[in-house]
Amino acid sequence: MEYIARFVAGGLLVCLFALISQVCEPKQFAGLFSAAPSVLLAGLALTLVLRGTPAAVLTAQGAIAGAVGMVGYCLLASRFLRRFPVLPGSVMALLAWFVLAFGSFAIGYLVLHW
Protein backbone atom coordinates (compact mmCIF):
# COMPACT_ATOMS: atom_id res chain seq x y z
CA MET A 1 0.00 0.00 0.00
CA GLU A 2 2.86 2.37 0.83
CA TYR A 3 4.36 1.89 -2.64
CA ILE A 4 1.05 2.73 -4.32
CA ALA A 5 0.80 5.90 -2.23
CA ARG A 6 4.38 6.85 -3.16
CA PHE A 7 3.61 6.21 -6.83
CA VAL A 8 0.47 8.37 -6.81
CA ALA A 9 1.97 11.19 -4.74
CA GLY A 10 5.16 11.20 -6.80
CA GLY A 11 3.22 11.23 -10.06
CA LEU A 12 1.01 14.10 -8.95
CA LEU A 13 3.96 16.16 -7.80
CA VAL A 14 5.90 15.43 -10.99
CA CYS A 15 2.92 16.75 -12.94
CA LEU A 16 2.72 19.85 -10.73
CA PHE A 17 6.43 20.58 -11.10
CA ALA A 18 6.22 19.93 -14.85
CA LEU A 19 3.57 22.66 -15.04
CA ILE A 20 5.86 24.99 -13.09
CA SER A 21 8.74 24.18 -15.44
CA GLN A 22 6.61 25.13 -18.44
CA VAL A 23 6.25 28.62 -17.03
CA CYS A 24 9.93 29.07 -16.08
CA GLU A 25 12.48 30.77 -18.26
CA PRO A 26 14.99 29.73 -19.52
CA LYS A 27 13.74 26.30 -20.51
CA GLN A 28 17.08 24.71 -19.55
CA PHE A 29 15.89 24.80 -15.94
CA ALA A 30 12.81 22.71 -16.68
CA GLY A 31 14.53 19.49 -15.64
CA LEU A 32 15.35 20.93 -12.24
CA PHE A 33 11.68 21.39 -11.50
CA SER A 34 10.32 18.18 -12.97
CA ALA A 35 12.16 15.34 -11.29
CA ALA A 36 14.18 15.70 -8.10
CA PRO A 37 12.05 18.18 -6.12
CA SER A 38 8.81 16.39 -6.80
CA VAL A 39 10.15 12.93 -5.99
CA LEU A 40 11.82 14.22 -2.82
CA LEU A 41 8.68 16.04 -1.68
CA ALA A 42 6.48 13.03 -2.34
CA GLY A 43 8.80 10.69 -0.49
CA LEU A 44 9.26 13.13 2.36
CA ALA A 45 5.52 13.75 2.74
CA LEU A 46 4.74 10.04 2.77
CA THR A 47 7.54 9.31 5.19
CA LEU A 48 6.20 11.99 7.49
CA VAL A 49 2.66 10.61 7.34
CA LEU A 50 3.52 6.90 7.51
CA ARG A 51 6.59 6.84 9.74
CA GLY A 52 6.55 10.10 11.66
CA THR A 53 8.78 13.09 12.20
CA PRO A 54 12.05 11.32 13.17
CA ALA A 55 12.08 9.30 9.94
CA ALA A 56 11.21 12.39 7.90
CA VAL A 57 14.07 14.31 9.52
CA LEU A 58 16.50 11.55 8.53
CA THR A 59 15.11 11.58 4.98
CA ALA A 60 15.56 15.34 4.74
CA GLN A 61 19.08 15.12 6.16
CA GLY A 62 19.91 12.46 3.58
CA ALA A 63 18.58 14.64 0.77
CA ILE A 64 20.63 17.62 1.93
CA ALA A 65 23.77 15.50 2.26
CA GLY A 66 23.18 14.04 -1.20
CA ALA A 67 22.83 17.55 -2.62
CA VAL A 68 26.09 18.64 -0.96
CA GLY A 69 27.80 15.60 -2.46
CA MET A 70 26.31 16.28 -5.89
CA VAL A 71 27.52 19.89 -5.92
CA GLY A 72 30.99 18.69 -4.98
CA TYR A 73 30.82 15.98 -7.63
CA CYS A 74 29.89 18.47 -10.34
CA LEU A 75 32.60 20.93 -9.37
CA LEU A 76 35.29 18.27 -9.16
CA ALA A 77 34.19 16.22 -12.17
CA SER A 78 34.52 19.23 -14.43
CA ARG A 79 38.11 19.67 -13.26
CA PHE A 80 39.05 15.98 -13.13
CA LEU A 81 37.75 15.30 -16.63
CA ARG A 82 40.02 18.01 -18.04
CA ARG A 83 43.10 16.48 -16.42
CA PHE A 84 42.45 12.72 -16.48
CA PRO A 85 40.88 10.17 -18.83
CA VAL A 86 37.12 9.74 -18.46
CA LEU A 87 37.01 6.61 -16.30
CA PRO A 88 39.62 7.62 -13.70
CA GLY A 89 38.27 11.20 -13.58
CA SER A 90 34.72 9.97 -13.08
CA VAL A 91 35.74 7.48 -10.40
CA MET A 92 37.67 10.15 -8.49
CA ALA A 93 34.68 12.50 -8.66
CA LEU A 94 32.39 9.67 -7.50
CA LEU A 95 34.68 9.00 -4.55
CA ALA A 96 34.54 12.71 -3.73
CA TRP A 97 30.73 12.56 -3.84
CA PHE A 98 30.79 9.61 -1.46
CA VAL A 99 33.06 11.39 1.03
CA LEU A 100 31.13 14.67 0.83
CA ALA A 101 27.66 13.11 1.01
CA PHE A 102 28.35 10.68 3.82
CA GLY A 103 30.60 13.14 5.64
CA SER A 104 28.01 15.92 5.57
CA PHE A 105 25.30 13.46 6.66
CA ALA A 106 27.44 12.30 9.58
CA ILE A 107 28.25 15.87 10.62
CA GLY A 108 24.59 16.90 10.39
CA TYR A 109 23.49 13.83 12.33
CA LEU A 110 26.04 14.48 15.07
CA VAL A 111 25.14 18.16 15.32
CA LEU A 112 21.40 17.47 15.58
CA HIS A 113 21.76 14.55 17.98
CA TRP A 114 24.52 15.90 20.20
C-alpha atoms as a PDB file:
ATOM      1  CA  MET A   1       0.000   0.000   0.000  1.00  0.00           C
ATOM      2  CA  GLU A   2       2.860   2.373   0.827  1.00  0.00           C
ATOM      3  CA  TYR A   3       4.359   1.887  -2.643  1.00  0.00           C
ATOM      4  CA  ILE A   4       1.054   2.732  -4.322  1.00  0.00           C
ATOM      5  CA  ALA A   5       0.796   5.896  -2.230  1.00  0.00           C
ATOM      6  CA  ARG A   6       4.375   6.847  -3.164  1.00  0.00           C
ATOM      7  CA  PHE A   7       3.614   6.205  -6.834  1.00  0.00           C
ATOM      8  CA  VAL A   8       0.470   8.365  -6.812  1.00  0.00           C
ATOM      9  CA  ALA A   9       1.972  11.187  -4.736  1.00  0.00           C
ATOM     10  CA  GLY A  10       5.159  11.196  -6.805  1.00  0.00           C
ATOM     11  CA  GLY A  11       3.216  11.230 -10.060  1.00  0.00           C
ATOM     12  CA  LEU A  12       1.015  14.097  -8.949  1.00  0.00           C
ATOM     13  CA  LEU A  13       3.964  16.157  -7.796  1.00  0.00           C
ATOM     14  CA  VAL A  14       5.896  15.430 -10.993  1.00  0.00           C
ATOM     15  CA  CYS A  15       2.916  16.752 -12.940  1.00  0.00           C
ATOM     16  CA  LEU A  16       2.724  19.850 -10.725  1.00  0.00           C
ATOM     17  CA  PHE A  17       6.434  20.584 -11.099  1.00  0.00           C
ATOM     18  CA  ALA A  18       6.219  19.935 -14.852  1.00  0.00           C
ATOM     19  CA  LEU A  19       3.574  22.660 -15.045  1.00  0.00           C
ATOM     20  CA  ILE A  20       5.856  24.989 -13.094  1.00  0.00           C
ATOM     21  CA  SER A  21       8.735  24.177 -15.443  1.00  0.00           C
ATOM     22  CA  GLN A  22       6.612  25.126 -18.444  1.00  0.00           C
ATOM     23  CA  VAL A  23       6.249  28.623 -17.033  1.00  0.00           C
ATOM     24  CA  CYS A  24       9.929  29.070 -16.079  1.00  0.00           C
ATOM     25  CA  GLU A  25      12.481  30.771 -18.262  1.00  0.00           C
ATOM     26  CA  PRO A  26      14.987  29.728 -19.520  1.00  0.00           C
ATOM     27  CA  LYS A  27      13.744  26.303 -20.507  1.00  0.00           C
ATOM     28  CA  GLN A  28      17.077  24.715 -19.553  1.00  0.00           C
ATOM     29  CA  PHE A  29      15.889  24.798 -15.937  1.00  0.00           C
ATOM     30  CA  ALA A  30      12.806  22.714 -16.677  1.00  0.00           C
ATOM     31  CA  GLY A  31      14.529  19.493 -15.636  1.00  0.00           C
ATOM     32  CA  LEU A  32      15.352  20.929 -12.237  1.00  0.00           C
ATOM     33  CA  PHE A  33      11.682  21.387 -11.503  1.00  0.00           C
ATOM     34  CA  SER A  34      10.317  18.182 -12.973  1.00  0.00           C
ATOM     35  CA  ALA A  35      12.157  15.337 -11.295  1.00  0.00           C
ATOM     36  CA  ALA A  36      14.177  15.700  -8.104  1.00  0.00           C
ATOM     37  CA  PRO A  37      12.054  18.178  -6.121  1.00  0.00           C
ATOM     38  CA  SER A  38       8.808  16.385  -6.803  1.00  0.00           C
ATOM     39  CA  VAL A  39      10.153  12.932  -5.994  1.00  0.00           C
ATOM     40  CA  LEU A  40      11.821  14.220  -2.822  1.00  0.00           C
ATOM     41  CA  LEU A  41       8.683  16.041  -1.681  1.00  0.00           C
ATOM     42  CA  ALA A  42       6.483  13.029  -2.343  1.00  0.00           C
ATOM     43  CA  GLY A  43       8.804  10.693  -0.487  1.00  0.00           C
ATOM     44  CA  LEU A  44       9.261  13.132   2.362  1.00  0.00           C
ATOM     45  CA  ALA A  45       5.520  13.746   2.745  1.00  0.00           C
ATOM     46  CA  LEU A  46       4.737  10.040   2.769  1.00  0.00           C
ATOM     47  CA  THR A  47       7.545   9.308   5.190  1.00  0.00           C
ATOM     48  CA  LEU A  48       6.198  11.995   7.491  1.00  0.00           C
ATOM     49  CA  VAL A  49       2.660  10.607   7.341  1.00  0.00           C
ATOM     50  CA  LEU A  50       3.520   6.904   7.505  1.00  0.00           C
ATOM     51  CA  ARG A  51       6.592   6.836   9.740  1.00  0.00           C
ATOM     52  CA  GLY A  52       6.548  10.095  11.664  1.00  0.00           C
ATOM     53  CA  THR A  53       8.781  13.086  12.198  1.00  0.00           C
ATOM     54  CA  PRO A  54      12.050  11.315  13.170  1.00  0.00           C
ATOM     55  CA  ALA A  55      12.081   9.296   9.938  1.00  0.00           C
ATOM     56  CA  ALA A  56      11.205  12.386   7.899  1.00  0.00           C
ATOM     57  CA  VAL A  57      14.066  14.308   9.520  1.00  0.00           C
ATOM     58  CA  LEU A  58      16.503  11.547   8.528  1.00  0.00           C
ATOM     59  CA  THR A  59      15.107  11.580   4.984  1.00  0.00           C
ATOM     60  CA  ALA A  60      15.559  15.344   4.739  1.00  0.00           C
ATOM     61  CA  GLN A  61      19.084  15.117   6.156  1.00  0.00           C
ATOM     62  CA  GLY A  62      19.911  12.464   3.578  1.00  0.00           C
ATOM     63  CA  ALA A  63      18.581  14.640   0.766  1.00  0.00           C
ATOM     64  CA  ILE A  64      20.630  17.623   1.930  1.00  0.00           C
ATOM     65  CA  ALA A  65      23.768  15.497   2.258  1.00  0.00           C
ATOM     66  CA  GLY A  66      23.185  14.044  -1.201  1.00  0.00           C
ATOM     67  CA  ALA A  67      22.833  17.554  -2.619  1.00  0.00           C
ATOM     68  CA  VAL A  68      26.086  18.640  -0.959  1.00  0.00           C
ATOM     69  CA  GLY A  69      27.795  15.599  -2.456  1.00  0.00           C
ATOM     70  CA  MET A  70      26.313  16.284  -5.892  1.00  0.00           C
ATOM     71  CA  VAL A  71      27.522  19.886  -5.916  1.00  0.00           C
ATOM     72  CA  GLY A  72      30.986  18.691  -4.975  1.00  0.00           C
ATOM     73  CA  TYR A  73      30.817  15.977  -7.627  1.00  0.00           C
ATOM     74  CA  CYS A  74      29.888  18.475 -10.338  1.00  0.00           C
ATOM     75  CA  LEU A  75      32.603  20.930  -9.366  1.00  0.00           C
ATOM     76  CA  LEU A  76      35.293  18.268  -9.159  1.00  0.00           C
ATOM     77  CA  ALA A  77      34.188  16.225 -12.174  1.00  0.00           C
ATOM     78  CA  SER A  78      34.518  19.230 -14.430  1.00  0.00           C
ATOM     79  CA  ARG A  79      38.113  19.674 -13.260  1.00  0.00           C
ATOM     80  CA  PHE A  80      39.051  15.985 -13.135  1.00  0.00           C
ATOM     81  CA  LEU A  81      37.751  15.303 -16.625  1.00  0.00           C
ATOM     82  CA  ARG A  82      40.023  18.012 -18.044  1.00  0.00           C
ATOM     83  CA  ARG A  83      43.101  16.479 -16.422  1.00  0.00           C
ATOM     84  CA  PHE A  84      42.447  12.724 -16.476  1.00  0.00           C
ATOM     85  CA  PRO A  85      40.876  10.175 -18.827  1.00  0.00           C
ATOM     86  CA  VAL A  86      37.123   9.743 -18.459  1.00  0.00           C
ATOM     87  CA  LEU A  87      37.012   6.606 -16.303  1.00  0.00           C
ATOM     88  CA  PRO A  88      39.617   7.624 -13.695  1.00  0.00           C
ATOM     89  CA  GLY A  89      38.272  11.195 -13.575  1.00  0.00           C
ATOM     90  CA  SER A  90      34.716   9.967 -13.081  1.00  0.00           C
ATOM     91  CA  VAL A  91      35.738   7.477 -10.404  1.00  0.00           C
ATOM     92  CA  MET A  92      37.668  10.154  -8.492  1.00  0.00           C
ATOM     93  CA  ALA A  93      34.677  12.501  -8.662  1.00  0.00           C
ATOM     94  CA  LEU A  94      32.385   9.670  -7.498  1.00  0.00           C
ATOM     95  CA  LEU A  95      34.676   9.002  -4.550  1.00  0.00           C
ATOM     96  CA  ALA A  96      34.542  12.707  -3.727  1.00  0.00           C
ATOM     97  CA  TRP A  97      30.732  12.558  -3.843  1.00  0.00           C
ATOM     98  CA  PHE A  98      30.790   9.607  -1.463  1.00  0.00           C
ATOM     99  CA  VAL A  99      33.060  11.386   1.027  1.00  0.00           C
ATOM    100  CA  LEU A 100      31.127  14.667   0.835  1.00  0.00           C
ATOM    101  CA  ALA A 101      27.657  13.113   1.010  1.00  0.00           C
ATOM    102  CA  PHE A 102      28.345  10.683   3.822  1.00  0.00           C
ATOM    103  CA  GLY A 103      30.604  13.140   5.644  1.00  0.00           C
ATOM    104  CA  SER A 104      28.009  15.916   5.574  1.00  0.00           C
ATOM    105  CA  PHE A 105      25.298  13.458   6.659  1.00  0.00           C
ATOM    106  CA  ALA A 106      27.439  12.296   9.580  1.00  0.00           C
ATOM    107  CA  ILE A 107      28.247  15.866  10.624  1.00  0.00           C
ATOM    108  CA  GLY A 108      24.587  16.897  10.387  1.00  0.00           C
ATOM    109  CA  TYR A 109      23.489  13.829  12.333  1.00  0.00           C
ATOM    110  CA  LEU A 110      26.043  14.477  15.073  1.00  0.00           C
ATOM    111  CA  VAL A 111      25.139  18.163  15.319  1.00  0.00           C
ATOM    112  CA  LEU A 112      21.404  17.469  15.576  1.00  0.00           C
ATOM    113  CA  HIS A 113      21.755  14.555  17.982  1.00  0.00           C
ATOM    114  CA  TRP A 114      24.520  15.902  20.195  1.00  0.00           C
END
